[in-house]
Structures are given as C-alpha cells and as structure tokens.
Amino acid sequence: LDLVLGAAYDKYQVIGKSIDMSSSHLSYDLNYVSISLGLEYSFPVQDKLSLLLNGNMAYNYLLSGFQNMGSSSYDLADSDFEDNTYSYSIGTGILYQMTDATGIYLKYDWRNTMDMKEKEANESYKLTSYVYSVGVRFNLAN
C-alpha cells in the first residue's frame, strides 16, 4: 500500500442540453489546477508489470472559466461560480516499472466533485469525469 501525492492541470468542457427554440446550448469551459493525496495498492502480475488500484481526494482551484450561451460568453470570475472545490476519485491501471525509481503507467479514473453550491440561487451541481492518463511515476522513497 503506497501513499500517493499528485498535482494536475485539468481542462473541462461541459456541454448542456439545448436551452431554447434555436437550439442554443449552455456550456462551460473550465480550467483547474489541483493537488491530491491518496492511497494506491499494487498487485504484481509479472516481474516489472503491476496492476494498480487507487483512491484519492483532491483540492481544485479554478484558474479560469467561461459560461457560453449561444454566441455570448461570460467570464466566471465575475460571477458567484465556486472557484475552490474538492473531489474524490477511484481508479485502476497498469504500471511498468523501468527502474527502482521510475515507471510508466496507463490509468483510468472516475472522478467526482463534492457538491458545488451557487451562492444566490439555492442550487448545487457536481462535475463527474472519466479520465484516461499515461504518465511517468517517480518513487521518491528510493
């Protein structure tokens, strides 16, 4: 069982259903930076190949965001859109350990934010994402 620290840049494009007769869509373009802390369990499959299972919690900070309605675009910095959020994720993947200190992984994660609330309109929402990633992992304990 390993403790995993992470940092990421996440870009979301959320496209909603049609909002009027002219088929205009409500959409959001969101850019977050996040830091995470989690646990990961590694099941050895072969000499340098392992199956990974993981779960983590993350703090997400909104770097920039825009709401788009038809041809109009609104900067979310000028609104009550929540810019600090927390999320959790669970996932699986495979790891090829190249050396004792480095490995390459291919992962799939299901990620969900905690309820994000609008300050003025008693509404809440969540962002759910399905993340495929390829990366290099460094073992800092060696």
N, C-alpha and C. Protein backbone atom coordinates (compact mmCIF):
# COMPACT_ATOMS: atom_id res chain seq x y z
N LEU A 1 0.86 -1.18 0.00
CA LEU A 1 0.00 0.00 0.00
C LEU A 1 0.89 1.23 0.00
N ASP A 2 0.68 2.14 -0.94
CA ASP A 2 1.51 3.33 -1.09
C ASP A 2 0.69 4.60 -0.89
N LEU A 3 1.34 5.61 -0.34
CA LEU A 3 0.78 6.95 -0.25
C LEU A 3 1.18 7.68 -1.53
N VAL A 4 0.21 8.30 -2.21
CA VAL A 4 0.46 8.95 -3.49
C VAL A 4 0.10 10.43 -3.40
N LEU A 5 1.07 11.29 -3.76
CA LEU A 5 0.86 12.73 -3.85
C LEU A 5 0.79 13.09 -5.33
N GLY A 6 -0.09 14.01 -5.69
CA GLY A 6 -0.22 14.37 -7.09
C GLY A 6 -0.52 15.83 -7.30
N ALA A 7 -0.22 16.31 -8.49
CA ALA A 7 -0.55 17.66 -8.93
C ALA A 7 -1.00 17.54 -10.38
N ALA A 8 -1.99 18.35 -10.77
CA ALA A 8 -2.52 18.21 -12.13
C ALA A 8 -3.10 19.53 -12.63
N TYR A 9 -3.16 19.64 -13.94
CA TYR A 9 -3.90 20.70 -14.62
C TYR A 9 -5.04 20.00 -15.33
N ASP A 10 -6.28 20.42 -15.07
CA ASP A 10 -7.45 19.78 -15.65
C ASP A 10 -8.25 20.79 -16.46
N LYS A 11 -8.62 20.40 -17.67
CA LYS A 11 -9.43 21.24 -18.54
C LYS A 11 -10.74 20.51 -18.82
N TYR A 12 -11.85 21.16 -18.51
CA TYR A 12 -13.18 20.57 -18.72
C TYR A 12 -13.94 21.40 -19.74
N GLN A 13 -14.69 20.73 -20.60
CA GLN A 13 -15.67 21.39 -21.43
C GLN A 13 -16.99 20.69 -21.17
N VAL A 14 -17.91 21.39 -20.53
CA VAL A 14 -19.20 20.83 -20.15
C VAL A 14 -20.24 21.39 -21.12
N ILE A 15 -20.94 20.50 -21.81
CA ILE A 15 -21.94 20.93 -22.79
C ILE A 15 -23.29 20.44 -22.32
N GLY A 16 -24.22 21.39 -22.16
CA GLY A 16 -25.56 21.06 -21.69
C GLY A 16 -26.53 20.82 -22.82
N LYS A 17 -27.77 20.60 -22.45
CA LYS A 17 -28.83 20.38 -23.43
C LYS A 17 -29.23 21.71 -24.05
N SER A 18 -30.00 21.63 -25.11
CA SER A 18 -30.50 22.82 -25.79
C SER A 18 -31.36 23.63 -24.81
N ILE A 19 -31.18 24.97 -24.80
CA ILE A 19 -31.90 25.80 -23.84
C ILE A 19 -33.00 26.66 -24.46
N ASP A 20 -33.13 26.65 -25.78
CA ASP A 20 -34.20 27.43 -26.40
C ASP A 20 -34.58 26.85 -27.76
N MET A 21 -35.52 27.50 -28.44
CA MET A 21 -36.03 27.00 -29.72
C MET A 21 -34.97 27.03 -30.83
N SER A 22 -33.97 27.90 -30.72
CA SER A 22 -32.94 27.99 -31.78
C SER A 22 -31.80 27.00 -31.55
N SER A 23 -31.99 26.07 -30.64
CA SER A 23 -31.00 25.01 -30.33
C SER A 23 -29.69 25.56 -29.78
N SER A 24 -29.74 26.70 -29.08
CA SER A 24 -28.55 27.20 -28.40
C SER A 24 -28.25 26.30 -27.21
N HIS A 25 -26.99 26.08 -26.95
CA HIS A 25 -26.58 25.23 -25.84
C HIS A 25 -25.90 26.05 -24.77
N LEU A 26 -26.11 25.66 -23.54
CA LEU A 26 -25.39 26.23 -22.41
C LEU A 26 -24.16 25.36 -22.22
N SER A 27 -22.97 25.97 -22.18
CA SER A 27 -21.75 25.19 -21.98
C SER A 27 -20.78 25.96 -21.10
N TYR A 28 -19.82 25.24 -20.58
CA TYR A 28 -18.79 25.81 -19.72
C TYR A 28 -17.42 25.34 -20.19
N ASP A 29 -16.45 26.23 -20.17
CA ASP A 29 -15.04 25.90 -20.38
C ASP A 29 -14.33 26.22 -19.07
N LEU A 30 -13.79 25.19 -18.41
CA LEU A 30 -13.22 25.34 -17.07
C LEU A 30 -11.78 24.84 -17.04
N ASN A 31 -10.92 25.57 -16.36
CA ASN A 31 -9.51 25.20 -16.21
C ASN A 31 -9.16 25.21 -14.73
N TYR A 32 -8.75 24.04 -14.22
CA TYR A 32 -8.41 23.88 -12.81
C TYR A 32 -6.96 23.44 -12.64
N VAL A 33 -6.39 23.79 -11.52
CA VAL A 33 -5.15 23.20 -11.05
C VAL A 33 -5.50 22.48 -9.76
N SER A 34 -4.92 21.29 -9.54
CA SER A 34 -5.31 20.54 -8.36
C SER A 34 -4.10 19.86 -7.72
N ILE A 35 -4.25 19.60 -6.42
CA ILE A 35 -3.29 18.79 -5.68
C ILE A 35 -4.08 17.67 -5.02
N SER A 36 -3.47 16.49 -4.94
CA SER A 36 -4.22 15.34 -4.42
C SER A 36 -3.36 14.50 -3.48
N LEU A 37 -4.05 13.75 -2.66
CA LEU A 37 -3.44 12.82 -1.71
C LEU A 37 -4.29 11.56 -1.73
N GLY A 38 -3.64 10.41 -1.86
CA GLY A 38 -4.41 9.18 -1.94
C GLY A 38 -3.62 7.95 -1.58
N LEU A 39 -4.30 6.81 -1.72
CA LEU A 39 -3.70 5.51 -1.46
C LEU A 39 -3.75 4.69 -2.74
N GLU A 40 -2.71 3.88 -2.94
CA GLU A 40 -2.66 3.03 -4.12
C GLU A 40 -2.13 1.66 -3.72
N TYR A 41 -2.77 0.63 -4.23
CA TYR A 41 -2.31 -0.72 -3.97
C TYR A 41 -1.85 -1.32 -5.29
N SER A 42 -0.71 -1.98 -5.25
CA SER A 42 -0.10 -2.55 -6.44
C SER A 42 -0.09 -4.08 -6.34
N PHE A 43 -0.68 -4.74 -7.35
CA PHE A 43 -0.68 -6.21 -7.43
C PHE A 43 0.33 -6.63 -8.50
N PRO A 44 1.44 -7.26 -8.13
CA PRO A 44 2.41 -7.70 -9.15
C PRO A 44 1.78 -8.75 -10.07
N VAL A 45 1.96 -8.58 -11.38
CA VAL A 45 1.45 -9.51 -12.37
C VAL A 45 2.61 -10.31 -12.97
N GLN A 46 3.66 -9.59 -13.34
CA GLN A 46 4.90 -10.20 -13.83
C GLN A 46 6.05 -9.49 -13.16
N ASP A 47 7.27 -9.78 -13.59
CA ASP A 47 8.45 -9.23 -12.95
C ASP A 47 8.39 -7.70 -12.80
N LYS A 48 8.12 -6.95 -13.86
CA LYS A 48 8.11 -5.49 -13.80
C LYS A 48 6.73 -4.90 -14.09
N LEU A 49 5.71 -5.71 -14.18
CA LEU A 49 4.37 -5.27 -14.52
C LEU A 49 3.43 -5.47 -13.33
N SER A 50 2.67 -4.42 -13.00
CA SER A 50 1.74 -4.48 -11.86
C SER A 50 0.39 -3.90 -12.23
N LEU A 51 -0.66 -4.41 -11.58
CA LEU A 51 -2.00 -3.86 -11.67
C LEU A 51 -2.16 -2.90 -10.51
N LEU A 52 -2.72 -1.71 -10.77
CA LEU A 52 -2.89 -0.68 -9.73
C LEU A 52 -4.36 -0.47 -9.41
N LEU A 53 -4.67 -0.27 -8.13
CA LEU A 53 -5.98 0.18 -7.65
C LEU A 53 -5.73 1.38 -6.77
N ASN A 54 -6.50 2.46 -6.99
CA ASN A 54 -6.22 3.68 -6.23
C ASN A 54 -7.50 4.45 -5.89
N GLY A 55 -7.35 5.29 -4.89
CA GLY A 55 -8.39 6.23 -4.50
C GLY A 55 -7.72 7.46 -3.93
N ASN A 56 -8.30 8.64 -4.18
CA ASN A 56 -7.71 9.86 -3.62
C ASN A 56 -8.73 10.96 -3.43
N MET A 57 -8.29 11.98 -2.72
CA MET A 57 -9.04 13.22 -2.51
C MET A 57 -8.19 14.34 -3.08
N ALA A 58 -8.85 15.37 -3.65
CA ALA A 58 -8.11 16.46 -4.26
C ALA A 58 -8.75 17.81 -3.92
N TYR A 59 -7.89 18.82 -3.87
CA TYR A 59 -8.32 20.22 -3.77
C TYR A 59 -8.13 20.80 -5.17
N ASN A 60 -9.17 21.45 -5.69
CA ASN A 60 -9.14 22.01 -7.05
C ASN A 60 -9.37 23.51 -6.99
N TYR A 61 -8.53 24.26 -7.70
CA TYR A 61 -8.67 25.71 -7.76
C TYR A 61 -8.95 26.12 -9.21
N LEU A 62 -10.01 26.88 -9.42
CA LEU A 62 -10.39 27.33 -10.75
C LEU A 62 -9.45 28.44 -11.22
N LEU A 63 -8.67 28.15 -12.26
CA LEU A 63 -7.78 29.17 -12.84
C LEU A 63 -8.55 30.13 -13.73
N SER A 64 -9.43 29.58 -14.58
CA SER A 64 -10.26 30.40 -15.45
C SER A 64 -11.49 29.59 -15.85
N GLY A 65 -12.54 30.30 -16.17
CA GLY A 65 -13.75 29.63 -16.60
C GLY A 65 -14.68 30.57 -17.34
N PHE A 66 -15.39 30.01 -18.31
CA PHE A 66 -16.33 30.80 -19.10
C PHE A 66 -17.62 30.02 -19.27
N GLN A 67 -18.74 30.75 -19.19
CA GLN A 67 -20.06 30.19 -19.47
C GLN A 67 -20.45 30.69 -20.85
N ASN A 68 -20.87 29.79 -21.71
CA ASN A 68 -21.25 30.14 -23.08
C ASN A 68 -22.73 29.84 -23.28
N MET A 69 -23.46 30.85 -23.76
CA MET A 69 -24.88 30.68 -24.10
C MET A 69 -25.07 31.20 -25.51
N GLY A 70 -25.26 30.28 -26.45
CA GLY A 70 -25.37 30.70 -27.84
C GLY A 70 -24.07 31.36 -28.27
N SER A 71 -24.15 32.59 -28.74
CA SER A 71 -22.96 33.32 -29.18
C SER A 71 -22.38 34.21 -28.08
N SER A 72 -22.97 34.22 -26.90
CA SER A 72 -22.48 35.04 -25.79
C SER A 72 -21.60 34.22 -24.86
N SER A 73 -20.57 34.89 -24.31
CA SER A 73 -19.64 34.22 -23.39
C SER A 73 -19.47 35.11 -22.16
N TYR A 74 -19.48 34.49 -20.97
CA TYR A 74 -19.38 35.23 -19.71
C TYR A 74 -18.22 34.68 -18.89
N ASP A 75 -17.40 35.57 -18.38
CA ASP A 75 -16.27 35.19 -17.54
C ASP A 75 -16.79 34.82 -16.15
N LEU A 76 -16.49 33.63 -15.69
CA LEU A 76 -16.99 33.18 -14.39
C LEU A 76 -16.32 33.88 -13.22
N ALA A 77 -15.21 34.60 -13.46
CA ALA A 77 -14.58 35.38 -12.40
C ALA A 77 -15.50 36.50 -11.93
N ASP A 78 -16.43 36.92 -12.79
CA ASP A 78 -17.38 37.99 -12.46
C ASP A 78 -18.69 37.46 -11.90
N SER A 79 -18.72 36.20 -11.51
CA SER A 79 -19.97 35.59 -11.02
C SER A 79 -19.72 34.93 -9.66
N ASP A 80 -20.75 34.25 -9.16
CA ASP A 80 -20.61 33.54 -7.89
C ASP A 80 -20.24 32.07 -8.10
N PHE A 81 -19.70 31.72 -9.26
CA PHE A 81 -19.27 30.35 -9.53
C PHE A 81 -18.17 29.97 -8.54
N GLU A 82 -18.31 28.80 -7.94
CA GLU A 82 -17.39 28.37 -6.88
C GLU A 82 -16.01 28.04 -7.47
N ASP A 83 -14.97 28.74 -6.98
CA ASP A 83 -13.64 28.52 -7.55
C ASP A 83 -12.76 27.58 -6.74
N ASN A 84 -13.15 27.21 -5.53
CA ASN A 84 -12.43 26.22 -4.72
C ASN A 84 -13.34 25.02 -4.52
N THR A 85 -12.91 23.85 -5.00
CA THR A 85 -13.73 22.66 -4.87
C THR A 85 -12.87 21.49 -4.38
N TYR A 86 -13.55 20.46 -3.93
CA TYR A 86 -12.90 19.22 -3.52
C TYR A 86 -13.49 18.09 -4.34
N SER A 87 -12.66 17.11 -4.65
CA SER A 87 -13.14 15.98 -5.43
C SER A 87 -12.53 14.69 -4.89
N TYR A 88 -13.11 13.58 -5.30
CA TYR A 88 -12.59 12.27 -4.95
C TYR A 88 -12.56 11.43 -6.22
N SER A 89 -11.68 10.45 -6.25
CA SER A 89 -11.62 9.58 -7.42
C SER A 89 -11.21 8.17 -7.02
N ILE A 90 -11.62 7.23 -7.84
CA ILE A 90 -11.17 5.85 -7.72
C ILE A 90 -10.74 5.41 -9.12
N GLY A 91 -9.78 4.49 -9.17
CA GLY A 91 -9.31 4.10 -10.48
C GLY A 91 -8.50 2.83 -10.47
N THR A 92 -8.09 2.45 -11.67
CA THR A 92 -7.27 1.27 -11.88
C THR A 92 -6.31 1.55 -13.02
N GLY A 93 -5.27 0.75 -13.10
CA GLY A 93 -4.31 0.94 -14.17
C GLY A 93 -3.26 -0.14 -14.17
N ILE A 94 -2.31 0.02 -15.07
CA ILE A 94 -1.16 -0.89 -15.12
C ILE A 94 0.11 -0.05 -15.04
N LEU A 95 1.12 -0.62 -14.42
CA LEU A 95 2.40 0.06 -14.22
C LEU A 95 3.51 -0.84 -14.72
N TYR A 96 4.38 -0.28 -15.57
CA TYR A 96 5.59 -0.97 -15.98
C TYR A 96 6.75 -0.27 -15.27
N GLN A 97 7.40 -0.97 -14.34
CA GLN A 97 8.49 -0.41 -13.53
C GLN A 97 9.80 -0.54 -14.31
N MET A 98 10.29 0.60 -14.86
CA MET A 98 11.52 0.58 -15.66
C MET A 98 12.76 0.41 -14.79
N THR A 99 12.82 1.16 -13.68
CA THR A 99 13.91 1.06 -12.71
C THR A 99 13.29 1.06 -11.32
N ASP A 100 14.09 1.01 -10.28
CA ASP A 100 13.55 1.08 -8.92
C ASP A 100 12.87 2.42 -8.66
N ALA A 101 13.31 3.48 -9.34
CA ALA A 101 12.81 4.83 -9.08
C ALA A 101 11.77 5.32 -10.08
N THR A 102 11.68 4.74 -11.28
CA THR A 102 10.75 5.26 -12.29
C THR A 102 9.94 4.15 -12.94
N GLY A 103 8.72 4.53 -13.33
CA GLY A 103 7.84 3.61 -14.03
C GLY A 103 6.91 4.37 -14.96
N ILE A 104 6.34 3.67 -15.91
CA ILE A 104 5.36 4.25 -16.83
C ILE A 104 4.02 3.60 -16.53
N TYR A 105 2.95 4.41 -16.49
CA TYR A 105 1.63 3.86 -16.18
C TYR A 105 0.59 4.27 -17.22
N LEU A 106 -0.45 3.48 -17.31
CA LEU A 106 -1.65 3.74 -18.09
C LEU A 106 -2.80 3.54 -17.11
N LYS A 107 -3.63 4.60 -16.92
CA LYS A 107 -4.67 4.54 -15.88
C LYS A 107 -6.02 5.02 -16.40
N TYR A 108 -7.05 4.55 -15.70
CA TYR A 108 -8.42 5.04 -15.86
C TYR A 108 -8.92 5.44 -14.47
N ASP A 109 -9.47 6.65 -14.34
CA ASP A 109 -10.02 7.12 -13.07
C ASP A 109 -11.42 7.66 -13.27
N TRP A 110 -12.30 7.40 -12.32
CA TRP A 110 -13.61 8.01 -12.24
C TRP A 110 -13.50 9.08 -11.16
N ARG A 111 -13.79 10.33 -11.53
CA ARG A 111 -13.61 11.46 -10.62
C ARG A 111 -14.93 12.22 -10.46
N ASN A 112 -15.22 12.64 -9.24
CA ASN A 112 -16.46 13.36 -8.95
C ASN A 112 -16.17 14.47 -7.95
N THR A 113 -16.74 15.65 -8.17
CA THR A 113 -16.57 16.73 -7.21
C THR A 113 -17.61 16.59 -6.10
N MET A 114 -17.29 17.16 -4.96
CA MET A 114 -18.29 17.29 -3.90
C MET A 114 -19.31 18.33 -4.39
N ASP A 115 -20.45 18.44 -3.73
CA ASP A 115 -21.46 19.42 -4.15
C ASP A 115 -20.85 20.82 -4.23
N MET A 116 -21.06 21.46 -5.38
CA MET A 116 -20.66 22.85 -5.57
C MET A 116 -21.96 23.66 -5.50
N LYS A 117 -22.01 24.68 -4.67
CA LYS A 117 -23.25 25.41 -4.45
C LYS A 117 -23.16 26.82 -5.03
N GLU A 118 -24.26 27.27 -5.63
CA GLU A 118 -24.35 28.65 -6.07
C GLU A 118 -24.76 29.48 -4.87
N LYS A 119 -24.15 30.64 -4.72
CA LYS A 119 -24.38 31.45 -3.52
C LYS A 119 -25.76 32.07 -3.47
N GLU A 120 -26.29 32.50 -4.62
CA GLU A 120 -27.56 33.21 -4.59
C GLU A 120 -28.76 32.33 -4.93
N ALA A 121 -28.59 31.37 -5.79
CA ALA A 121 -29.73 30.54 -6.23
C ALA A 121 -29.64 29.18 -5.58
N ASN A 122 -30.28 28.81 -4.61
CA ASN A 122 -30.18 27.56 -3.86
C ASN A 122 -30.04 26.32 -4.75
N GLU A 123 -29.00 26.27 -5.56
CA GLU A 123 -28.77 25.14 -6.45
C GLU A 123 -27.38 24.58 -6.20
N SER A 124 -27.21 23.31 -6.50
CA SER A 124 -25.89 22.71 -6.39
C SER A 124 -25.65 21.85 -7.63
N TYR A 125 -24.41 21.54 -7.89
CA TYR A 125 -24.04 20.75 -9.06
C TYR A 125 -22.74 20.04 -8.77
N LYS A 126 -22.43 19.05 -9.61
CA LYS A 126 -21.21 18.27 -9.50
C LYS A 126 -20.59 18.15 -10.88
N LEU A 127 -19.29 17.96 -10.92
CA LEU A 127 -18.60 17.62 -12.16
C LEU A 127 -18.12 16.18 -12.04
N THR A 128 -18.53 15.34 -12.95
CA THR A 128 -18.09 13.95 -13.00
C THR A 128 -17.26 13.78 -14.26
N SER A 129 -16.11 13.15 -14.12
CA SER A 129 -15.27 12.93 -15.30
C SER A 129 -14.70 11.53 -15.30
N TYR A 130 -14.38 11.08 -16.49
CA TYR A 130 -13.80 9.78 -16.73
C TYR A 130 -12.44 10.04 -17.36
N VAL A 131 -11.37 9.78 -16.63
CA VAL A 131 -10.04 10.24 -17.01
C VAL A 131 -9.17 9.06 -17.44
N TYR A 132 -8.63 9.15 -18.65
CA TYR A 132 -7.63 8.21 -19.14
C TYR A 132 -6.30 8.94 -19.12
N SER A 133 -5.26 8.33 -18.58
CA SER A 133 -3.98 9.02 -18.50
C SER A 133 -2.82 8.07 -18.74
N VAL A 134 -1.74 8.64 -19.25
CA VAL A 134 -0.47 7.96 -19.43
C VAL A 134 0.55 8.86 -18.77
N GLY A 135 1.47 8.29 -18.01
CA GLY A 135 2.43 9.15 -17.33
C GLY A 135 3.65 8.41 -16.85
N VAL A 136 4.55 9.19 -16.29
CA VAL A 136 5.77 8.67 -15.67
C VAL A 136 5.62 8.84 -14.19
N ARG A 137 5.96 7.81 -13.44
CA ARG A 137 5.86 7.86 -11.98
C ARG A 137 7.25 7.76 -11.38
N PHE A 138 7.49 8.63 -10.40
CA PHE A 138 8.79 8.64 -9.70
C PHE A 138 8.59 8.19 -8.27
N ASN A 139 9.37 7.24 -7.83
CA ASN A 139 9.32 6.75 -6.46
C ASN A 139 10.29 7.58 -5.63
N LEU A 140 9.79 8.48 -4.80
CA LEU A 140 10.62 9.38 -4.01
C LEU A 140 11.21 8.71 -2.78
N ALA A 141 10.75 7.52 -2.43
CA ALA A 141 11.24 6.83 -1.24
C ALA A 141 12.60 6.16 -1.47
N ASN A 142 13.00 5.96 -2.72
CA ASN A 142 14.29 5.31 -3.01
C ASN A 142 15.43 6.30 -3.02
